[in-house]
């Protein structure tokens, strides 16, 4: 997906992911494990690391739509929202992650810090 993103942008890369997921692209497969770990997570964090915050948010929002019960997808979206300065949305994402996985210390710490506690 990074090669596609580099050549044609994030929308093209996410479109490619959608075609792979539907099985329209032979020899490729999208791997998401049901907990929010996989292709979209990796891509989203690479975008964050490249300071492409809006694109990372878009990627993690897709990850949450694809895996709404995946605690890590919500946790990752919280990280992207925090990087984008969207504190209220970040807190909501971290709290959703905690609802799905009460043992998620990262989300607990982030939500607490963002709430000023």
PDB file of N, CA and C in Angstrom:
ATOM      1  N   UNK A   1       0.813  -1.185   0.000  1.00  0.00           N
ATOM      2  CA  UNK A   1       0.000   0.000   0.000  1.00  0.00           C
ATOM      3  C   UNK A   1       0.862   1.257   0.000  1.00  0.00           C
ATOM      4  N   UNK A   2       2.052   1.173   0.594  1.00  0.00           N
ATOM      5  CA  UNK A   2       2.913   2.350   0.623  1.00  0.00           C
ATOM      6  C   UNK A   2       3.367   2.766  -0.764  1.00  0.00           C
ATOM      7  N   UNK A   3       3.654   1.798  -1.621  1.00  0.00           N
ATOM      8  CA  UNK A   3       4.049   2.145  -2.989  1.00  0.00           C
ATOM      9  C   UNK A   3       2.914   2.846  -3.713  1.00  0.00           C
ATOM     10  N   UNK A   4       1.716   2.358  -3.543  1.00  0.00           N
ATOM     11  CA  UNK A   4       0.560   2.994  -4.178  1.00  0.00           C
ATOM     12  C   UNK A   4       0.356   4.385  -3.608  1.00  0.00           C
ATOM     13  N   UNK A   5       0.441   4.507  -2.288  1.00  0.00           N
ATOM     14  CA  UNK A   5       0.263   5.807  -1.645  1.00  0.00           C
ATOM     15  C   UNK A   5       1.301   6.791  -2.162  1.00  0.00           C
ATOM     16  N   UNK A   6       2.552   6.326  -2.315  1.00  0.00           N
ATOM     17  CA  UNK A   6       3.614   7.201  -2.799  1.00  0.00           C
ATOM     18  C   UNK A   6       3.387   7.665  -4.228  1.00  0.00           C
ATOM     19  N   UNK A   7       2.810   6.791  -5.029  1.00  0.00           N
ATOM     20  CA  UNK A   7       2.613   7.117  -6.442  1.00  0.00           C
ATOM     21  C   UNK A   7       1.314   7.867  -6.703  1.00  0.00           C
ATOM     22  N   UNK A   8       0.252   7.474  -6.002  1.00  0.00           N
ATOM     23  CA  UNK A   8      -1.070   8.020  -6.344  1.00  0.00           C
ATOM     24  C   UNK A   8      -1.847   8.608  -5.175  1.00  0.00           C
ATOM     25  N   UNK A   9      -1.348   8.492  -3.966  1.00  0.00           N
ATOM     26  CA  UNK A   9      -2.023   9.075  -2.818  1.00  0.00           C
ATOM     27  C   UNK A   9      -2.758   8.048  -1.964  1.00  0.00           C
ATOM     28  N   UNK A  10      -3.169   8.507  -0.799  1.00  0.00           N
ATOM     29  CA  UNK A  10      -3.812   7.646   0.188  1.00  0.00           C
ATOM     30  C   UNK A  10      -5.139   7.100  -0.319  1.00  0.00           C
ATOM     31  N   UNK A  11      -5.929   7.919  -0.997  1.00  0.00           N
ATOM     32  CA  UNK A  11      -7.222   7.428  -1.495  1.00  0.00           C
ATOM     33  C   UNK A  11      -7.036   6.246  -2.441  1.00  0.00           C
ATOM     34  N   UNK A  12      -6.024   6.313  -3.295  1.00  0.00           N
ATOM     35  CA  UNK A  12      -5.751   5.191  -4.204  1.00  0.00           C
ATOM     36  C   UNK A  12      -5.313   3.964  -3.414  1.00  0.00           C
ATOM     37  N   UNK A  13      -4.485   4.163  -2.394  1.00  0.00           N
ATOM     38  CA  UNK A  13      -4.030   3.032  -1.583  1.00  0.00           C
ATOM     39  C   UNK A  13      -5.189   2.388  -0.844  1.00  0.00           C
ATOM     40  N   UNK A  14      -6.080   3.200  -0.281  1.00  0.00           N
ATOM     41  CA  UNK A  14      -7.233   2.646   0.431  1.00  0.00           C
ATOM     42  C   UNK A  14      -8.207   1.982  -0.533  1.00  0.00           C
ATOM     43  N   UNK A  15      -8.322   2.512  -1.736  1.00  0.00           N
ATOM     44  CA  UNK A  15      -9.144   1.862  -2.761  1.00  0.00           C
ATOM     45  C   UNK A  15      -8.572   0.501  -3.139  1.00  0.00           C
ATOM     46  N   UNK A  16      -7.244   0.429  -3.258  1.00  0.00           N
ATOM     47  CA  UNK A  16      -6.586  -0.836  -3.544  1.00  0.00           C
ATOM     48  C   UNK A  16      -6.861  -1.831  -2.420  1.00  0.00           C
ATOM     49  N   UNK A  17      -6.782  -1.373  -1.184  1.00  0.00           N
ATOM     50  CA  UNK A  17      -7.073  -2.237  -0.037  1.00  0.00           C
ATOM     51  C   UNK A  17      -8.493  -2.811  -0.154  1.00  0.00           C
ATOM     52  N   UNK A  18      -9.448  -1.970  -0.510  1.00  0.00           N
ATOM     53  CA  UNK A  18     -10.829  -2.434  -0.667  1.00  0.00           C
ATOM     54  C   UNK A  18     -10.957  -3.509  -1.740  1.00  0.00           C
ATOM     55  N   UNK A  19     -10.257  -3.335  -2.855  1.00  0.00           N
ATOM     56  CA  UNK A  19     -10.305  -4.338  -3.923  1.00  0.00           C
ATOM     57  C   UNK A  19      -9.636  -5.637  -3.484  1.00  0.00           C
ATOM     58  N   UNK A  20      -8.543  -5.523  -2.750  1.00  0.00           N
ATOM     59  CA  UNK A  20      -7.862  -6.715  -2.230  1.00  0.00           C
ATOM     60  C   UNK A  20      -8.780  -7.458  -1.269  1.00  0.00           C
ATOM     61  N   UNK A  21      -9.412  -6.703  -0.378  1.00  0.00           N
ATOM     62  CA  UNK A  21     -10.284  -7.328   0.613  1.00  0.00           C
ATOM     63  C   UNK A  21     -11.443  -8.083  -0.042  1.00  0.00           C
ATOM     64  N   UNK A  22     -11.960  -7.550  -1.148  1.00  0.00           N
ATOM     65  CA  UNK A  22     -13.054  -8.225  -1.868  1.00  0.00           C
ATOM     66  C   UNK A  22     -12.550  -9.405  -2.684  1.00  0.00           C
ATOM     67  N   UNK A  23     -11.251  -9.542  -2.819  1.00  0.00           N
ATOM     68  CA  UNK A  23     -10.697 -10.650  -3.588  1.00  0.00           C
ATOM     69  C   UNK A  23     -10.524 -10.336  -5.057  1.00  0.00           C
ATOM     70  N   UNK A  24     -10.591  -9.050  -5.417  1.00  0.00           N
ATOM     71  CA  UNK A  24     -10.490  -8.646  -6.814  1.00  0.00           C
ATOM     72  C   UNK A  24      -9.052  -8.571  -7.330  1.00  0.00           C
ATOM     73  N   UNK A  25      -8.067  -8.727  -6.446  1.00  0.00           N
ATOM     74  CA  UNK A  25      -6.673  -8.607  -6.855  1.00  0.00           C
ATOM     75  C   UNK A  25      -5.966  -9.923  -6.522  1.00  0.00           C
ATOM     76  N   UNK A  26      -5.725 -10.757  -7.533  1.00  0.00           N
ATOM     77  CA  UNK A  26      -5.075 -12.055  -7.288  1.00  0.00           C
ATOM     78  C   UNK A  26      -3.704 -11.890  -6.626  1.00  0.00           C
ATOM     79  N   UNK A  27      -3.341 -12.843  -5.799  1.00  0.00           N
ATOM     80  CA  UNK A  27      -2.044 -12.932  -5.124  1.00  0.00           C
ATOM     81  C   UNK A  27      -1.861 -11.930  -3.998  1.00  0.00           C
ATOM     82  N   UNK A  28      -2.851 -11.123  -3.698  1.00  0.00           N
ATOM     83  CA  UNK A  28      -2.769 -10.199  -2.574  1.00  0.00           C
ATOM     84  C   UNK A  28      -3.887 -10.547  -1.605  1.00  0.00           C
ATOM     85  N   UNK A  29      -3.614 -10.299  -0.335  1.00  0.00           N
ATOM     86  CA  UNK A  29      -4.690 -10.434   0.628  1.00  0.00           C
ATOM     87  C   UNK A  29      -4.500  -9.386   1.715  1.00  0.00           C
ATOM     88  N   UNK A  30      -5.598  -8.887   2.201  1.00  0.00           N
ATOM     89  CA  UNK A  30      -5.582  -7.941   3.307  1.00  0.00           C
ATOM     90  C   UNK A  30      -5.655  -8.756   4.585  1.00  0.00           C
ATOM     91  N   UNK A  31      -4.776  -8.476   5.509  1.00  0.00           N
ATOM     92  CA  UNK A  31      -4.814  -9.249   6.748  1.00  0.00           C
ATOM     93  C   UNK A  31      -5.210  -8.350   7.906  1.00  0.00           C
ATOM     94  N   UNK A  32      -6.347  -8.638   8.455  1.00  0.00           N
ATOM     95  CA  UNK A  32      -6.818  -7.998   9.675  1.00  0.00           C
ATOM     96  C   UNK A  32      -7.186  -9.143  10.596  1.00  0.00           C
ATOM     97  N   UNK A  33      -6.754  -9.091  11.842  1.00  0.00           N
ATOM     98  CA  UNK A  33      -6.933 -10.248  12.709  1.00  0.00           C
ATOM     99  C   UNK A  33      -8.189 -10.225  13.566  1.00  0.00           C
ATOM    100  N   UNK A  34      -9.050  -9.250  13.395  1.00  0.00           N
ATOM    101  CA  UNK A  34     -10.260  -9.180  14.204  1.00  0.00           C
ATOM    102  C   UNK A  34     -10.081  -8.356  15.463  1.00  0.00           C
ATOM    103  N   UNK A  35      -8.842  -8.092  15.842  1.00  0.00           N
ATOM    104  CA  UNK A  35      -8.567  -7.244  16.995  1.00  0.00           C
ATOM    105  C   UNK A  35      -8.057  -5.873  16.573  1.00  0.00           C
ATOM    106  N   UNK A  36      -7.985  -5.653  15.271  1.00  0.00           N
ATOM    107  CA  UNK A  36      -7.517  -4.373  14.782  1.00  0.00           C
ATOM    108  C   UNK A  36      -6.027  -4.339  14.503  1.00  0.00           C
ATOM    109  N   UNK A  37      -5.407  -5.496  14.351  1.00  0.00           N
ATOM    110  CA  UNK A  37      -3.994  -5.553  13.985  1.00  0.00           C
ATOM    111  C   UNK A  37      -3.897  -6.036  12.558  1.00  0.00           C
ATOM    112  N   UNK A  38      -3.215  -5.311  11.692  1.00  0.00           N
ATOM    113  CA  UNK A  38      -3.077  -5.772  10.325  1.00  0.00           C
ATOM    114  C   UNK A  38      -2.690  -4.666   9.375  1.00  0.00           C
ATOM    115  N   UNK A  39      -3.082  -4.857   8.139  1.00  0.00           N
ATOM    116  CA  UNK A  39      -2.686  -3.991   7.039  1.00  0.00           C
ATOM    117  C   UNK A  39      -3.023  -2.524   7.288  1.00  0.00           C
ATOM    118  N   UNK A  40      -4.257  -2.234   7.663  1.00  0.00           N
ATOM    119  CA  UNK A  40      -4.657  -0.839   7.874  1.00  0.00           C
ATOM    120  C   UNK A  40      -3.929  -0.219   9.062  1.00  0.00           C
ATOM    121  N   UNK A  41      -3.738  -0.994  10.107  1.00  0.00           N
ATOM    122  CA  UNK A  41      -3.018  -0.483  11.276  1.00  0.00           C
ATOM    123  C   UNK A  41      -1.588  -0.106  10.896  1.00  0.00           C
ATOM    124  N   UNK A  42      -0.917  -1.000  10.210  1.00  0.00           N
ATOM    125  CA  UNK A  42       0.464  -0.721   9.789  1.00  0.00           C
ATOM    126  C   UNK A  42       0.527   0.518   8.907  1.00  0.00           C
ATOM    127  N   UNK A  43      -0.368   0.590   7.941  1.00  0.00           N
ATOM    128  CA  UNK A  43      -0.386   1.718   7.016  1.00  0.00           C
ATOM    129  C   UNK A  43      -0.674   3.023   7.761  1.00  0.00           C
ATOM    130  N   UNK A  44      -1.657   2.991   8.650  1.00  0.00           N
ATOM    131  CA  UNK A  44      -2.011   4.191   9.407  1.00  0.00           C
ATOM    132  C   UNK A  44      -0.855   4.716  10.242  1.00  0.00           C
ATOM    133  N   UNK A  45      -0.142   3.820  10.913  1.00  0.00           N
ATOM    134  CA  UNK A  45       0.984   4.273  11.734  1.00  0.00           C
ATOM    135  C   UNK A  45       2.138   4.778  10.883  1.00  0.00           C
ATOM    136  N   UNK A  46       2.332   4.210   9.718  1.00  0.00           N
ATOM    137  CA  UNK A  46       3.371   4.748   8.821  1.00  0.00           C
ATOM    138  C   UNK A  46       3.006   6.154   8.363  1.00  0.00           C
ATOM    139  N   UNK A  47       1.724   6.381   8.145  1.00  0.00           N
ATOM    140  CA  UNK A  47       1.284   7.732   7.788  1.00  0.00           C
ATOM    141  C   UNK A  47       1.505   8.689   8.958  1.00  0.00           C
ATOM    142  N   UNK A  48       1.170   8.251  10.168  1.00  0.00           N
ATOM    143  CA  UNK A  48       1.411   9.098  11.345  1.00  0.00           C
ATOM    144  C   UNK A  48       2.890   9.433  11.476  1.00  0.00           C
ATOM    145  N   UNK A  49       3.737   8.429  11.307  1.00  0.00           N
ATOM    146  CA  UNK A  49       5.178   8.640  11.406  1.00  0.00           C
ATOM    147  C   UNK A  49       5.696   9.605  10.347  1.00  0.00           C
ATOM    148  N   UNK A  50       4.998   9.676   9.224  1.00  0.00           N
ATOM    149  CA  UNK A  50       5.368  10.596   8.143  1.00  0.00           C
ATOM    150  C   UNK A  50       4.679  11.944   8.280  1.00  0.00           C
ATOM    151  N   UNK A  51       4.004  12.138   9.409  1.00  0.00           N
ATOM    152  CA  UNK A  51       3.288  13.381   9.705  1.00  0.00           C
ATOM    153  C   UNK A  51       2.159  13.656   8.711  1.00  0.00           C
ATOM    154  N   UNK A  52       1.576  12.592   8.174  1.00  0.00           N
ATOM    155  CA  UNK A  52       0.410  12.710   7.297  1.00  0.00           C
ATOM    156  C   UNK A  52      -0.817  12.408   8.152  1.00  0.00           C
ATOM    157  N   UNK A  53      -1.116  13.350   9.020  1.00  0.00           N
ATOM    158  CA  UNK A  53      -2.108  13.146  10.077  1.00  0.00           C
ATOM    159  C   UNK A  53      -3.502  12.920   9.515  1.00  0.00           C
ATOM    160  N   UNK A  54      -3.945  13.767   8.603  1.00  0.00           N
ATOM    161  CA  UNK A  54      -5.299  13.625   8.049  1.00  0.00           C
ATOM    162  C   UNK A  54      -5.473  12.285   7.338  1.00  0.00           C
ATOM    163  N   UNK A  55      -4.435  11.869   6.621  1.00  0.00           N
ATOM    164  CA  UNK A  55      -4.499  10.589   5.920  1.00  0.00           C
ATOM    165  C   UNK A  55      -4.524   9.424   6.911  1.00  0.00           C
ATOM    166  N   UNK A  56      -3.780   9.564   8.014  1.00  0.00           N
ATOM    167  CA  UNK A  56      -3.789   8.530   9.052  1.00  0.00           C
ATOM    168  C   UNK A  56      -5.168   8.430   9.690  1.00  0.00           C
ATOM    169  N   UNK A  57      -5.781   9.576   9.971  1.00  0.00           N
ATOM    170  CA  UNK A  57      -7.138   9.571  10.541  1.00  0.00           C
ATOM    171  C   UNK A  57      -8.087   8.841   9.598  1.00  0.00           C
ATOM    172  N   UNK A  58      -8.024   9.165   8.324  1.00  0.00           N
ATOM    173  CA  UNK A  58      -8.889   8.522   7.331  1.00  0.00           C
ATOM    174  C   UNK A  58      -8.674   7.004   7.316  1.00  0.00           C
ATOM    175  N   UNK A  59      -7.415   6.581   7.405  1.00  0.00           N
ATOM    176  CA  UNK A  59      -7.086   5.157   7.396  1.00  0.00           C
ATOM    177  C   UNK A  59      -7.624   4.457   8.635  1.00  0.00           C
ATOM    178  N   UNK A  60      -7.418   5.059   9.802  1.00  0.00           N
ATOM    179  CA  UNK A  60      -7.899   4.435  11.038  1.00  0.00           C
ATOM    180  C   UNK A  60      -9.422   4.476  11.138  1.00  0.00           C
ATOM    181  N   UNK A  61     -10.048   5.504  10.575  1.00  0.00           N
ATOM    182  CA  UNK A  61     -11.519   5.516  10.542  1.00  0.00           C
ATOM    183  C   UNK A  61     -12.035   4.347   9.702  1.00  0.00           C
ATOM    184  N   UNK A  62     -11.376   4.068   8.584  1.00  0.00           N
ATOM    185  CA  UNK A  62     -11.748   2.907   7.782  1.00  0.00           C
ATOM    186  C   UNK A  62     -11.530   1.626   8.580  1.00  0.00           C
ATOM    187  N   UNK A  63     -10.436   1.540   9.302  1.00  0.00           N
ATOM    188  CA  UNK A  63     -10.145   0.361  10.118  1.00  0.00           C
ATOM    189  C   UNK A  63     -11.268   0.123  11.129  1.00  0.00           C
ATOM    190  N   UNK A  64     -11.752   1.180  11.761  1.00  0.00           N
ATOM    191  CA  UNK A  64     -12.846   1.054  12.731  1.00  0.00           C
ATOM    192  C   UNK A  64     -14.141   0.638  12.034  1.00  0.00           C
ATOM    193  N   UNK A  65     -14.397   1.181  10.852  1.00  0.00           N
ATOM    194  CA  UNK A  65     -15.601   0.757  10.104  1.00  0.00           C
ATOM    195  C   UNK A  65     -15.503  -0.719   9.719  1.00  0.00           C
ATOM    196  N   UNK A  66     -14.308  -1.150   9.327  1.00  0.00           N
ATOM    197  CA  UNK A  66     -14.095  -2.540   8.924  1.00  0.00           C
ATOM    198  C   UNK A  66     -14.167  -3.494  10.114  1.00  0.00           C
ATOM    199  N   UNK A  67     -13.707  -3.039  11.268  1.00  0.00           N
ATOM    200  CA  UNK A  67     -13.626  -3.891  12.466  1.00  0.00           C
ATOM    201  C   UNK A  67     -14.156  -3.124  13.678  1.00  0.00           C
ATOM    202  N   UNK A  68     -15.460  -2.875  13.736  1.00  0.00           N
ATOM    203  CA  UNK A  68     -16.016  -2.031  14.802  1.00  0.00           C
ATOM    204  C   UNK A  68     -15.855  -2.595  16.210  1.00  0.00           C
ATOM    205  N   UNK A  69     -15.615  -3.886  16.337  1.00  0.00           N
ATOM    206  CA  UNK A  69     -15.443  -4.491  17.657  1.00  0.00           C
ATOM    207  C   UNK A  69     -13.990  -4.783  17.986  1.00  0.00           C
ATOM    208  N   UNK A  70     -13.073  -4.191  17.224  1.00  0.00           N
ATOM    209  CA  UNK A  70     -11.647  -4.403  17.444  1.00  0.00           C
ATOM    210  C   UNK A  70     -11.101  -3.307  18.351  1.00  0.00           C
ATOM    211  N   UNK A  71     -10.696  -3.692  19.537  1.00  0.00           N
ATOM    212  CA  UNK A  71     -10.219  -2.715  20.511  1.00  0.00           C
ATOM    213  C   UNK A  71      -9.002  -1.953  19.997  1.00  0.00           C
ATOM    214  N   UNK A  72      -8.100  -2.613  19.283  1.00  0.00           N
ATOM    215  CA  UNK A  72      -6.898  -1.941  18.816  1.00  0.00           C
ATOM    216  C   UNK A  72      -7.207  -0.919  17.715  1.00  0.00           C
ATOM    217  N   UNK A  73      -8.202  -1.186  16.902  1.00  0.00           N
ATOM    218  CA  UNK A  73      -8.584  -0.226  15.858  1.00  0.00           C
ATOM    219  C   UNK A  73      -9.025   1.093  16.496  1.00  0.00           C
ATOM    220  N   UNK A  74      -9.816   1.011  17.554  1.00  0.00           N
ATOM    221  CA  UNK A  74     -10.265   2.218  18.253  1.00  0.00           C
ATOM    222  C   UNK A  74      -9.097   2.910  18.961  1.00  0.00           C
ATOM    223  N   UNK A  75      -8.191   2.125  19.536  1.00  0.00           N
ATOM    224  CA  UNK A  75      -7.010   2.676  20.187  1.00  0.00           C
ATOM    225  C   UNK A  75      -6.153   3.446  19.178  1.00  0.00           C
ATOM    226  N   UNK A  76      -5.942   2.854  18.019  1.00  0.00           N
ATOM    227  CA  UNK A  76      -5.143   3.500  16.969  1.00  0.00           C
ATOM    228  C   UNK A  76      -5.818   4.768  16.467  1.00  0.00           C
ATOM    229  N   UNK A  77      -7.135   4.730  16.314  1.00  0.00           N
ATOM    230  CA  UNK A  77      -7.861   5.928  15.896  1.00  0.00           C
ATOM    231  C   UNK A  77      -7.704   7.021  16.944  1.00  0.00           C
ATOM    232  N   UNK A  78      -7.707   6.631  18.211  1.00  0.00           N
ATOM    233  CA  UNK A  78      -7.461   7.613  19.275  1.00  0.00           C
ATOM    234  C   UNK A  78      -6.113   8.283  19.117  1.00  0.00           C
ATOM    235  N   UNK A  79      -5.086   7.501  18.785  1.00  0.00           N
ATOM    236  CA  UNK A  79      -3.751   8.082  18.564  1.00  0.00           C
ATOM    237  C   UNK A  79      -3.770   9.091  17.419  1.00  0.00           C
ATOM    238  N   UNK A  80      -4.473   8.745  16.341  1.00  0.00           N
ATOM    239  CA  UNK A  80      -4.536   9.656  15.187  1.00  0.00           C
ATOM    240  C   UNK A  80      -5.316  10.924  15.530  1.00  0.00           C
ATOM    241  N   UNK A  81      -6.447  10.760  16.218  1.00  0.00           N
ATOM    242  CA  UNK A  81      -7.220  11.943  16.624  1.00  0.00           C
ATOM    243  C   UNK A  81      -6.396  12.832  17.557  1.00  0.00           C
ATOM    244  N   UNK A  82      -5.648  12.218  18.453  1.00  0.00           N
ATOM    245  CA  UNK A  82      -4.815  13.016  19.348  1.00  0.00           C
ATOM    246  C   UNK A  82      -3.777  13.799  18.547  1.00  0.00           C
ATOM    247  N   UNK A  83      -3.142  13.138  17.585  1.00  0.00           N
ATOM    248  CA  UNK A  83      -2.153  13.818  16.746  1.00  0.00           C
ATOM    249  C   UNK A  83      -2.775  14.954  15.953  1.00  0.00           C
ATOM    250  N   UNK A  84      -4.054  14.808  15.599  1.00  0.00           N
ATOM    251  CA  UNK A  84      -4.764  15.838  14.838  1.00  0.00           C
ATOM    252  C   UNK A  84      -5.297  16.946  15.732  1.00  0.00           C
ATOM    253  N   UNK A  85      -5.111  16.817  17.045  1.00  0.00           N
ATOM    254  CA  UNK A  85      -5.612  17.826  17.972  1.00  0.00           C
ATOM    255  C   UNK A  85      -7.094  17.706  18.257  1.00  0.00           C
ATOM    256  N   UNK A  86      -7.684  16.571  17.946  1.00  0.00           N
ATOM    257  CA  UNK A  86      -9.112  16.333  18.167  1.00  0.00           C
ATOM    258  C   UNK A  86      -9.282  15.565  19.478  1.00  0.00           C
ATOM    259  N   UNK A  87      -9.086  16.292  20.577  1.00  0.00           N
ATOM    260  CA  UNK A  87      -9.030  15.686  21.899  1.00  0.00           C
ATOM    261  C   UNK A  87     -10.300  14.936  22.267  1.00  0.00           C
ATOM    262  N   UNK A  88     -11.469  15.536  22.039  1.00  0.00           N
ATOM    263  CA  UNK A  88     -12.726  14.878  22.411  1.00  0.00           C
ATOM    264  C   UNK A  88     -12.906  13.563  21.658  1.00  0.00           C
ATOM    265  N   UNK A  89     -12.589  13.567  20.371  1.00  0.00           N
ATOM    266  CA  UNK A  89     -12.701  12.339  19.587  1.00  0.00           C
ATOM    267  C   UNK A  89     -11.677  11.297  20.026  1.00  0.00           C
ATOM    268  N   UNK A  90     -10.479  11.767  20.393  1.00  0.00           N
ATOM    269  CA  UNK A  90      -9.454  10.844  20.879  1.00  0.00           C
ATOM    270  C   UNK A  90      -9.928  10.160  22.155  1.00  0.00           C
ATOM    271  N   UNK A  91     -10.472  10.922  23.077  1.00  0.00           N
ATOM    272  CA  UNK A  91     -10.980  10.355  24.334  1.00  0.00           C
ATOM    273  C   UNK A  91     -12.074   9.337  24.040  1.00  0.00           C
ATOM    274  N   UNK A  92     -12.992   9.678  23.146  1.00  0.00           N
ATOM    275  CA  UNK A  92     -14.075   8.738  22.792  1.00  0.00           C
ATOM    276  C   UNK A  92     -13.507   7.438  22.234  1.00  0.00           C
ATOM    277  N   UNK A  93     -12.500   7.546  21.375  1.00  0.00           N
ATOM    278  CA  UNK A  93     -11.905   6.344  20.785  1.00  0.00           C
ATOM    279  C   UNK A  93     -11.202   5.499  21.838  1.00  0.00           C
ATOM    280  N   UNK A  94     -10.451   6.159  22.726  1.00  0.00           N
ATOM    281  CA  UNK A  94      -9.771   5.412  23.786  1.00  0.00           C
ATOM    282  C   UNK A  94     -10.780   4.740  24.715  1.00  0.00           C
ATOM    283  N   UNK A  95     -11.869   5.447  25.024  1.00  0.00           N
ATOM    284  CA  UNK A  95     -12.881   4.857  25.898  1.00  0.00           C
ATOM    285  C   UNK A  95     -13.581   3.677  25.227  1.00  0.00           C
ATOM    286  N   UNK A  96     -13.814   3.766  23.932  1.00  0.00           N
ATOM    287  CA  UNK A  96     -14.399   2.625  23.207  1.00  0.00           C
ATOM    288  C   UNK A  96     -13.436   1.446  23.235  1.00  0.00           C
ATOM    289  N   UNK A  97     -12.159   1.718  23.042  1.00  0.00           N
ATOM    290  CA  UNK A  97     -11.159   0.663  23.104  1.00  0.00           C
ATOM    291  C   UNK A  97     -11.168  -0.003  24.477  1.00  0.00           C
ATOM    292  N   UNK A  98     -11.262   0.807  25.523  1.00  0.00           N
ATOM    293  CA  UNK A  98     -11.306   0.270  26.884  1.00  0.00           C
ATOM    294  C   UNK A  98     -12.570  -0.539  27.136  1.00  0.00           C
ATOM    295  N   UNK A  99     -13.681  -0.121  26.552  1.00  0.00           N
ATOM    296  CA  UNK A  99     -14.923  -0.890  26.708  1.00  0.00           C
ATOM    297  C   UNK A  99     -14.771  -2.275  26.085  1.00  0.00           C
ATOM    298  N   UNK A 100     -14.028  -2.343  24.996  1.00  0.00           N
ATOM    299  CA  UNK A 100     -13.807  -3.619  24.310  1.00  0.00           C
ATOM    300  C   UNK A 100     -12.698  -4.447  24.954  1.00  0.00           C
ATOM    301  N   UNK A 101     -11.735  -3.767  25.573  1.00  0.00           N
ATOM    302  CA  UNK A 101     -10.607  -4.453  26.214  1.00  0.00           C
ATOM    303  C   UNK A 101     -10.198  -3.659  27.458  1.00  0.00           C
ATOM    304  N   UNK A 102     -10.807  -3.953  28.597  1.00  0.00           N
ATOM    305  CA  UNK A 102     -10.501  -3.213  29.832  1.00  0.00           C
ATOM    306  C   UNK A 102      -9.042  -3.301  30.272  1.00  0.00           C
ATOM    307  N   UNK A 103      -8.276  -4.246  29.720  1.00  0.00           N
ATOM    308  CA  UNK A 103      -6.868  -4.388  30.075  1.00  0.00           C
ATOM    309  C   UNK A 103      -5.936  -3.519  29.229  1.00  0.00           C
ATOM    310  N   UNK A 104      -6.500  -2.702  28.344  1.00  0.00           N
ATOM    311  CA  UNK A 104      -5.682  -1.877  27.459  1.00  0.00           C
ATOM    312  C   UNK A 104      -5.125  -0.682  28.240  1.00  0.00           C
ATOM    313  N   UNK A 105      -3.916  -0.857  28.765  1.00  0.00           N
ATOM    314  CA  UNK A 105      -3.294   0.184  29.587  1.00  0.00           C
ATOM    315  C   UNK A 105      -2.979   1.443  28.789  1.00  0.00           C
ATOM    316  N   UNK A 106      -2.612   1.272  27.530  1.00  0.00           N
ATOM    317  CA  UNK A 106      -2.302   2.435  26.676  1.00  0.00           C
ATOM    318  C   UNK A 106      -3.512   3.357  26.586  1.00  0.00           C
ATOM    319  N   UNK A 107      -4.668   2.795  26.272  1.00  0.00           N
ATOM    320  CA  UNK A 107      -5.879   3.608  26.149  1.00  0.00           C
ATOM    321  C   UNK A 107      -6.268   4.229  27.480  1.00  0.00           C
ATOM    322  N   UNK A 108      -6.125   3.487  28.562  1.00  0.00           N
ATOM    323  CA  UNK A 108      -6.470   4.018  29.883  1.00  0.00           C
ATOM    324  C   UNK A 108      -5.596   5.217  30.234  1.00  0.00           C
ATOM    325  N   UNK A 109      -4.290   5.088  29.989  1.00  0.00           N
ATOM    326  CA  UNK A 109      -3.365   6.181  30.286  1.00  0.00           C
ATOM    327  C   UNK A 109      -3.626   7.391  29.402  1.00  0.00           C
ATOM    328  N   UNK A 110      -3.852   7.154  28.122  1.00  0.00           N
ATOM    329  CA  UNK A 110      -4.088   8.263  27.190  1.00  0.00           C
ATOM    330  C   UNK A 110      -5.371   9.004  27.530  1.00  0.00           C
ATOM    331  N   UNK A 111      -6.456   8.262  27.789  1.00  0.00           N
ATOM    332  CA  UNK A 111      -7.736   8.903  28.123  1.00  0.00           C
ATOM    333  C   UNK A 111      -7.601   9.719  29.395  1.00  0.00           C
ATOM    334  N   UNK A 112      -6.961   9.159  30.389  1.00  0.00           N
ATOM    335  CA  UNK A 112      -6.773   9.860  31.663  1.00  0.00           C
ATOM    336  C   UNK A 112      -5.979  11.143  31.456  1.00  0.00           C
ATOM    337  N   UNK A 113      -4.900  11.062  30.705  1.00  0.00           N
ATOM    338  CA  UNK A 113      -4.059  12.239  30.458  1.00  0.00           C
ATOM    339  C   UNK A 113      -4.834  13.315  29.690  1.00  0.00           C
ATOM    340  N   UNK A 114      -5.565  12.893  28.657  1.00  0.00           N
ATOM    341  CA  UNK A 114      -6.313  13.866  27.858  1.00  0.00           C
ATOM    342  C   UNK A 114      -7.439  14.534  28.648  1.00  0.00           C
ATOM    343  N   UNK A 115      -7.969  13.819  29.615  1.00  0.00           N
ATOM    344  CA  UNK A 115      -9.008  14.387  30.477  1.00  0.00           C
ATOM    345  C   UNK A 115      -8.420  15.273  31.559  1.00  0.00           C
ATOM    346  N   UNK A 116      -7.093  15.313  31.654  1.00  0.00           N
ATOM    347  CA  UNK A 116      -6.424  16.148  32.646  1.00  0.00           C
ATOM    348  C   UNK A 116      -6.453  15.556  34.035  1.00  0.00           C
ATOM    349  N   UNK A 117      -6.537  14.265  34.138  1.00  0.00           N
ATOM    350  CA  UNK A 117      -6.612  13.605  35.461  1.00  0.00           C
ATOM    351  C   UNK A 117      -5.267  13.075  35.877  1.00  0.00           C
TER     352      UNK A 117
END
